[in-house]
N, C-alpha and C. Protein backbone atom coordinates (compact mmCIF):
# COMPACT_ATOMS: atom_id res chain seq x y z
N UNK A 1 106.46 32.50 43.39
CA UNK A 1 106.72 32.16 42.01
C UNK A 1 106.58 33.37 41.10
N UNK A 2 105.68 34.28 41.43
CA UNK A 2 105.46 35.43 40.56
C UNK A 2 106.72 36.26 40.44
N UNK A 3 107.52 36.36 41.51
CA UNK A 3 108.74 37.12 41.44
C UNK A 3 109.76 36.53 40.49
N UNK A 4 109.70 35.24 40.23
CA UNK A 4 110.64 34.58 39.34
C UNK A 4 110.27 34.76 37.88
N UNK A 5 109.01 35.01 37.59
CA UNK A 5 108.58 35.20 36.22
C UNK A 5 108.88 36.61 35.79
N UNK A 6 109.47 36.74 34.62
CA UNK A 6 109.79 38.07 34.13
C UNK A 6 109.77 38.08 32.62
N UNK A 7 109.47 39.23 32.08
CA UNK A 7 109.55 39.43 30.64
C UNK A 7 111.00 39.73 30.28
N UNK A 8 111.39 39.44 29.05
CA UNK A 8 112.77 39.76 28.65
C UNK A 8 113.06 41.26 28.76
N UNK A 9 114.31 41.60 28.97
CA UNK A 9 114.72 43.01 29.02
C UNK A 9 114.28 43.72 27.76
N UNK A 10 113.79 44.94 27.94
CA UNK A 10 113.39 45.75 26.80
C UNK A 10 111.95 45.53 26.36
N UNK A 11 111.27 44.53 26.95
CA UNK A 11 109.87 44.28 26.60
C UNK A 11 109.00 45.05 27.57
N UNK A 12 108.09 45.85 27.01
CA UNK A 12 107.23 46.70 27.83
C UNK A 12 106.29 45.87 28.69
N UNK A 13 106.15 46.28 29.94
CA UNK A 13 105.24 45.62 30.89
C UNK A 13 103.87 46.26 30.81
N UNK A 14 102.96 45.64 30.08
CA UNK A 14 101.60 46.17 29.96
C UNK A 14 100.68 45.45 30.93
N UNK A 15 99.50 46.01 31.17
CA UNK A 15 98.55 45.34 32.07
C UNK A 15 98.15 43.98 31.52
N UNK A 16 98.07 43.85 30.19
CA UNK A 16 97.71 42.57 29.60
C UNK A 16 98.82 41.52 29.84
N UNK A 17 100.05 41.90 29.62
CA UNK A 17 101.16 40.96 29.84
C UNK A 17 101.28 40.60 31.32
N UNK A 18 101.07 41.57 32.19
CA UNK A 18 101.12 41.29 33.63
C UNK A 18 100.01 40.33 34.05
N UNK A 19 98.85 40.42 33.41
CA UNK A 19 97.76 39.49 33.71
C UNK A 19 98.16 38.07 33.32
N UNK A 20 98.84 37.91 32.20
CA UNK A 20 99.30 36.58 31.77
C UNK A 20 100.35 36.06 32.74
N UNK A 21 101.29 36.92 33.14
CA UNK A 21 102.31 36.52 34.13
C UNK A 21 101.66 36.06 35.42
N UNK A 22 100.66 36.78 35.87
CA UNK A 22 99.97 36.42 37.12
C UNK A 22 99.26 35.07 36.97
N UNK A 23 98.61 34.85 35.83
CA UNK A 23 97.91 33.58 35.59
C UNK A 23 98.90 32.42 35.54
N UNK A 24 100.07 32.62 34.92
CA UNK A 24 101.09 31.57 34.90
C UNK A 24 101.59 31.30 36.31
N UNK A 25 101.84 32.36 37.08
CA UNK A 25 102.35 32.21 38.45
C UNK A 25 101.39 31.43 39.32
N UNK A 26 100.09 31.53 39.06
CA UNK A 26 99.09 30.83 39.85
C UNK A 26 98.79 29.43 39.33
N UNK A 27 99.39 29.04 38.21
CA UNK A 27 99.15 27.73 37.62
C UNK A 27 99.81 26.64 38.45
N UNK A 28 99.12 25.52 38.61
CA UNK A 28 99.65 24.43 39.40
C UNK A 28 99.97 23.19 38.56
N UNK A 29 99.63 23.19 37.31
CA UNK A 29 99.91 22.05 36.45
C UNK A 29 100.14 22.54 35.03
N UNK A 30 99.95 21.64 34.09
CA UNK A 30 100.11 22.03 32.70
C UNK A 30 98.88 22.79 32.23
N UNK A 31 99.06 23.59 31.20
CA UNK A 31 97.96 24.40 30.68
C UNK A 31 98.17 24.65 29.19
N UNK A 32 97.08 24.87 28.49
CA UNK A 32 97.15 25.31 27.10
C UNK A 32 97.10 26.83 27.11
N UNK A 33 97.42 27.43 26.00
CA UNK A 33 97.35 28.89 25.91
C UNK A 33 95.91 29.36 26.08
N UNK A 34 94.96 28.60 25.53
CA UNK A 34 93.54 28.98 25.67
C UNK A 34 93.11 28.95 27.15
N UNK A 35 93.55 27.92 27.89
CA UNK A 35 93.22 27.85 29.32
C UNK A 35 93.86 29.00 30.08
N UNK A 36 95.10 29.30 29.76
CA UNK A 36 95.80 30.41 30.40
C UNK A 36 95.10 31.73 30.08
N UNK A 37 94.67 31.90 28.85
CA UNK A 37 93.96 33.10 28.43
C UNK A 37 92.69 33.29 29.25
N UNK A 38 91.93 32.22 29.44
CA UNK A 38 90.70 32.30 30.25
C UNK A 38 91.02 32.74 31.68
N UNK A 39 92.08 32.17 32.27
CA UNK A 39 92.47 32.55 33.64
C UNK A 39 92.93 34.00 33.71
N UNK A 40 93.71 34.41 32.75
CA UNK A 40 94.28 35.76 32.77
C UNK A 40 93.21 36.82 32.55
N UNK A 41 92.14 36.48 31.86
CA UNK A 41 91.07 37.46 31.62
C UNK A 41 90.34 37.83 32.91
N UNK A 42 90.48 37.04 33.96
CA UNK A 42 89.92 37.43 35.26
C UNK A 42 90.63 38.67 35.78
N UNK A 43 91.91 38.83 35.43
CA UNK A 43 92.70 39.97 35.89
C UNK A 43 92.65 41.14 34.91
N UNK A 44 92.45 40.83 33.63
CA UNK A 44 92.40 41.86 32.59
C UNK A 44 91.40 41.42 31.51
N UNK A 45 90.13 41.82 31.68
CA UNK A 45 89.07 41.37 30.77
C UNK A 45 89.30 41.72 29.30
N UNK A 46 90.09 42.75 29.01
CA UNK A 46 90.33 43.17 27.62
C UNK A 46 91.48 42.41 26.97
N UNK A 47 92.05 41.45 27.65
CA UNK A 47 93.18 40.69 27.14
C UNK A 47 92.80 39.92 25.88
N UNK A 48 93.59 40.08 24.83
CA UNK A 48 93.35 39.36 23.58
C UNK A 48 94.12 38.05 23.55
N UNK A 49 93.60 37.09 22.82
CA UNK A 49 94.24 35.78 22.71
C UNK A 49 95.62 35.89 22.05
N UNK A 50 95.76 36.76 21.05
CA UNK A 50 97.06 36.93 20.39
C UNK A 50 98.11 37.45 21.37
N UNK A 51 97.73 38.35 22.27
CA UNK A 51 98.66 38.85 23.28
C UNK A 51 99.07 37.73 24.23
N UNK A 52 98.13 36.86 24.56
CA UNK A 52 98.45 35.72 25.42
C UNK A 52 99.47 34.82 24.73
N UNK A 53 99.25 34.49 23.46
CA UNK A 53 100.21 33.67 22.71
C UNK A 53 101.59 34.32 22.67
N UNK A 54 101.64 35.61 22.37
CA UNK A 54 102.93 36.29 22.28
C UNK A 54 103.63 36.33 23.64
N UNK A 55 102.87 36.52 24.71
CA UNK A 55 103.47 36.56 26.05
C UNK A 55 103.99 35.19 26.46
N UNK A 56 103.26 34.14 26.13
CA UNK A 56 103.75 32.78 26.42
C UNK A 56 105.05 32.54 25.67
N UNK A 57 105.13 32.98 24.44
CA UNK A 57 106.37 32.81 23.67
C UNK A 57 107.51 33.60 24.30
N UNK A 58 107.24 34.80 24.78
CA UNK A 58 108.27 35.57 25.49
C UNK A 58 108.73 34.84 26.75
N UNK A 59 107.79 34.28 27.50
CA UNK A 59 108.13 33.54 28.72
C UNK A 59 108.91 32.27 28.38
N UNK A 60 108.56 31.62 27.28
CA UNK A 60 109.30 30.43 26.85
C UNK A 60 110.75 30.80 26.54
N UNK A 61 110.96 31.95 25.91
CA UNK A 61 112.32 32.36 25.55
C UNK A 61 113.18 32.68 26.76
N UNK A 62 112.56 33.01 27.89
CA UNK A 62 113.32 33.32 29.11
C UNK A 62 113.34 32.15 30.10
N UNK A 63 112.66 31.05 29.76
CA UNK A 63 112.64 29.89 30.65
C UNK A 63 111.54 29.94 31.69
N UNK A 64 110.64 30.89 31.60
CA UNK A 64 109.55 30.99 32.57
C UNK A 64 108.49 29.92 32.39
N UNK A 65 108.32 29.47 31.16
CA UNK A 65 107.43 28.34 30.87
C UNK A 65 108.16 27.38 29.95
N UNK A 66 107.71 26.13 29.95
CA UNK A 66 108.34 25.08 29.15
C UNK A 66 107.26 24.34 28.39
N UNK A 67 107.43 24.15 27.07
CA UNK A 67 106.44 23.40 26.31
C UNK A 67 106.60 21.90 26.53
N UNK A 68 105.48 21.20 26.55
CA UNK A 68 105.48 19.75 26.68
C UNK A 68 104.91 19.14 25.41
N UNK A 69 105.36 17.94 25.10
CA UNK A 69 104.75 17.21 23.99
C UNK A 69 103.33 16.85 24.41
N UNK A 70 102.44 16.89 23.49
CA UNK A 70 101.08 16.54 23.83
C UNK A 70 100.32 16.09 22.60
N UNK A 71 99.15 15.61 22.85
CA UNK A 71 98.28 15.23 21.74
C UNK A 71 97.39 16.42 21.45
N UNK A 72 97.45 16.91 20.22
CA UNK A 72 96.63 18.06 19.87
C UNK A 72 97.35 19.35 20.16
N UNK A 73 96.73 20.18 21.00
CA UNK A 73 97.27 21.51 21.31
C UNK A 73 98.51 21.43 22.20
N UNK A 74 99.48 22.32 21.96
CA UNK A 74 100.65 22.35 22.84
C UNK A 74 100.25 22.72 24.27
N UNK A 75 100.91 22.11 25.23
CA UNK A 75 100.70 22.45 26.63
C UNK A 75 102.02 22.96 27.19
N UNK A 76 101.91 23.72 28.27
CA UNK A 76 103.06 24.34 28.90
C UNK A 76 102.99 24.13 30.41
N UNK A 77 104.14 24.27 31.06
CA UNK A 77 104.21 24.31 32.52
C UNK A 77 105.11 25.48 32.90
N UNK A 78 104.83 26.08 34.05
CA UNK A 78 105.73 27.13 34.53
C UNK A 78 106.99 26.46 35.05
N UNK A 79 108.08 27.18 35.05
CA UNK A 79 109.36 26.61 35.44
C UNK A 79 110.06 27.46 36.47
N UNK A 80 110.76 26.79 37.35
CA UNK A 80 111.63 27.49 38.28
C UNK A 80 112.97 27.70 37.59
N UNK A 81 113.75 28.65 38.02
CA UNK A 81 114.98 28.98 37.29
C UNK A 81 116.10 27.95 37.45
N UNK A 82 116.10 27.14 38.50
CA UNK A 82 117.17 26.17 38.70
C UNK A 82 117.08 25.05 37.66
N UNK A 83 118.22 24.42 37.41
CA UNK A 83 118.27 23.30 36.46
C UNK A 83 117.35 22.18 36.95
N UNK A 84 116.47 21.73 36.08
CA UNK A 84 115.55 20.64 36.42
C UNK A 84 114.97 20.04 35.15
N UNK A 85 114.29 18.93 35.32
CA UNK A 85 113.61 18.26 34.21
C UNK A 85 112.19 17.95 34.63
N UNK A 86 111.38 17.46 33.69
CA UNK A 86 109.97 17.21 33.97
C UNK A 86 109.62 15.74 33.81
N UNK A 87 108.84 15.24 34.76
CA UNK A 87 108.25 13.91 34.69
C UNK A 87 106.78 14.13 34.38
N UNK A 88 106.33 13.66 33.22
CA UNK A 88 104.98 13.93 32.74
C UNK A 88 104.18 12.64 32.72
N UNK A 89 103.07 12.61 33.46
CA UNK A 89 102.22 11.42 33.51
C UNK A 89 101.31 11.41 32.27
N UNK A 90 101.40 10.35 31.51
CA UNK A 90 100.58 10.23 30.30
C UNK A 90 99.16 9.78 30.61
N UNK A 91 98.91 9.42 31.88
CA UNK A 91 97.57 9.00 32.28
C UNK A 91 96.74 10.18 32.78
N UNK A 92 97.26 10.90 33.79
CA UNK A 92 96.49 11.99 34.39
C UNK A 92 96.93 13.37 33.91
N UNK A 93 98.08 13.45 33.23
CA UNK A 93 98.58 14.74 32.75
C UNK A 93 99.38 15.51 33.77
N UNK A 94 99.59 14.93 34.95
CA UNK A 94 100.36 15.61 35.98
C UNK A 94 101.81 15.81 35.57
N UNK A 95 102.42 16.86 36.11
CA UNK A 95 103.82 17.17 35.81
C UNK A 95 104.55 17.37 37.13
N UNK A 96 105.67 16.71 37.27
CA UNK A 96 106.51 16.86 38.46
C UNK A 96 107.90 17.25 38.01
N UNK A 97 108.53 18.15 38.75
CA UNK A 97 109.90 18.54 38.44
C UNK A 97 110.86 17.64 39.19
N UNK A 98 112.00 17.35 38.58
CA UNK A 98 113.05 16.58 39.23
C UNK A 98 114.40 17.20 38.90
N UNK A 99 115.30 17.18 39.86
CA UNK A 99 116.65 17.68 39.63
C UNK A 99 117.55 16.57 39.11
N UNK A 100 117.07 15.32 39.10
CA UNK A 100 117.86 14.21 38.56
C UNK A 100 118.13 14.46 37.08
N UNK A 101 119.35 14.17 36.66
CA UNK A 101 119.73 14.46 35.28
C UNK A 101 120.57 13.32 34.73
N UNK A 102 120.12 12.76 33.63
CA UNK A 102 120.84 11.65 33.00
C UNK A 102 121.68 12.11 31.81
N UNK A 103 121.73 13.41 31.57
CA UNK A 103 122.49 13.91 30.42
C UNK A 103 123.99 13.76 30.68
N UNK A 104 124.75 13.45 29.65
CA UNK A 104 126.19 13.35 29.83
C UNK A 104 126.80 14.71 30.19
N UNK A 105 127.91 14.67 30.89
CA UNK A 105 128.57 15.91 31.30
C UNK A 105 129.16 16.64 30.09
N UNK A 106 129.42 17.92 30.30
CA UNK A 106 130.03 18.71 29.23
C UNK A 106 131.37 18.12 28.82
N UNK A 107 132.17 17.68 29.79
CA UNK A 107 133.48 17.12 29.47
C UNK A 107 133.35 15.81 28.69
N UNK A 108 132.36 15.00 29.00
CA UNK A 108 132.14 13.75 28.27
C UNK A 108 131.72 14.02 26.83
N UNK A 109 130.84 15.00 26.63
CA UNK A 109 130.43 15.36 25.27
C UNK A 109 131.60 15.93 24.47
N UNK A 110 132.43 16.73 25.13
CA UNK A 110 133.60 17.31 24.47
C UNK A 110 134.59 16.20 24.09
N UNK A 111 134.84 15.29 25.01
CA UNK A 111 135.81 14.22 24.77
C UNK A 111 135.35 13.28 23.67
N UNK A 112 134.09 12.87 23.71
CA UNK A 112 133.61 11.85 22.77
C UNK A 112 133.17 12.40 21.42
N UNK A 113 132.65 13.64 21.42
CA UNK A 113 132.06 14.17 20.18
C UNK A 113 132.63 15.52 19.76
N UNK A 114 133.51 16.12 20.56
CA UNK A 114 134.01 17.44 20.24
C UNK A 114 132.91 18.49 20.29
N UNK A 115 131.92 18.26 21.13
CA UNK A 115 130.74 19.11 21.19
C UNK A 115 130.71 19.86 22.51
N UNK A 116 130.41 21.16 22.44
CA UNK A 116 130.29 21.99 23.64
C UNK A 116 128.83 22.42 23.80
N UNK A 117 128.12 21.80 24.72
CA UNK A 117 126.69 22.13 24.88
C UNK A 117 126.49 23.48 25.55
N UNK A 118 125.43 24.15 25.14
CA UNK A 118 125.04 25.41 25.79
C UNK A 118 123.94 25.16 26.79
N UNK A 119 123.07 24.19 26.50
CA UNK A 119 121.94 23.87 27.38
C UNK A 119 121.35 22.54 26.92
N UNK A 120 120.49 21.98 27.74
CA UNK A 120 119.75 20.79 27.34
C UNK A 120 118.41 20.75 28.05
N UNK A 121 117.47 20.00 27.47
CA UNK A 121 116.15 19.81 28.05
C UNK A 121 115.84 18.33 28.06
N UNK A 122 115.12 17.90 29.09
CA UNK A 122 114.75 16.49 29.18
C UNK A 122 113.40 16.38 29.85
N UNK A 123 112.45 15.79 29.15
CA UNK A 123 111.13 15.50 29.70
C UNK A 123 110.96 13.99 29.62
N UNK A 124 110.53 13.38 30.70
CA UNK A 124 110.33 11.94 30.73
C UNK A 124 108.84 11.68 30.86
N UNK A 125 108.30 10.90 29.93
CA UNK A 125 106.87 10.60 29.88
C UNK A 125 106.65 9.18 30.37
N UNK A 126 105.64 9.00 31.21
CA UNK A 126 105.32 7.70 31.76
C UNK A 126 104.11 7.81 32.67
N UNK A 127 104.09 6.96 33.70
CA UNK A 127 102.95 6.91 34.62
C UNK A 127 103.41 7.30 36.02
N UNK A 128 102.69 8.24 36.64
CA UNK A 128 103.04 8.69 37.99
C UNK A 128 102.66 7.63 39.03
N UNK A 129 103.09 7.83 40.26
CA UNK A 129 102.84 6.82 41.29
C UNK A 129 101.35 6.71 41.62
N UNK A 130 100.57 7.79 41.48
CA UNK A 130 99.12 7.70 41.74
C UNK A 130 98.41 6.87 40.69
N UNK A 131 98.87 6.96 39.44
CA UNK A 131 98.20 6.25 38.34
C UNK A 131 98.74 4.85 38.10
N UNK A 132 99.91 4.54 38.67
CA UNK A 132 100.57 3.25 38.39
C UNK A 132 99.77 2.06 38.86
């Protein structure tokens, strides 16, 4: 997973940013920026919280992480580069990726609305099979 995470072109690779990338790569579920910051400080003790926030925003802009709706603080999950969506359990907070997609096709959107989509996101919130 670490090989798939990358900073945008032209953004300098510092030890602090690399520590955040490593912490994201090792994440197995959703996380807040504060939780990610704590994990990343194991790799770079001088890492500042502001740098963590900025790096998460850079990763969000490249698709490396995805924000989830939440109560209170925003949470994020790491993302694989292939097209997928998220199933988010509102009971345990678990996140599962799925390639199933209910979005209308580009041709259907063009035909019905004259709209040409560039991208779409879909997160489905409910109860996972363990919590059901």
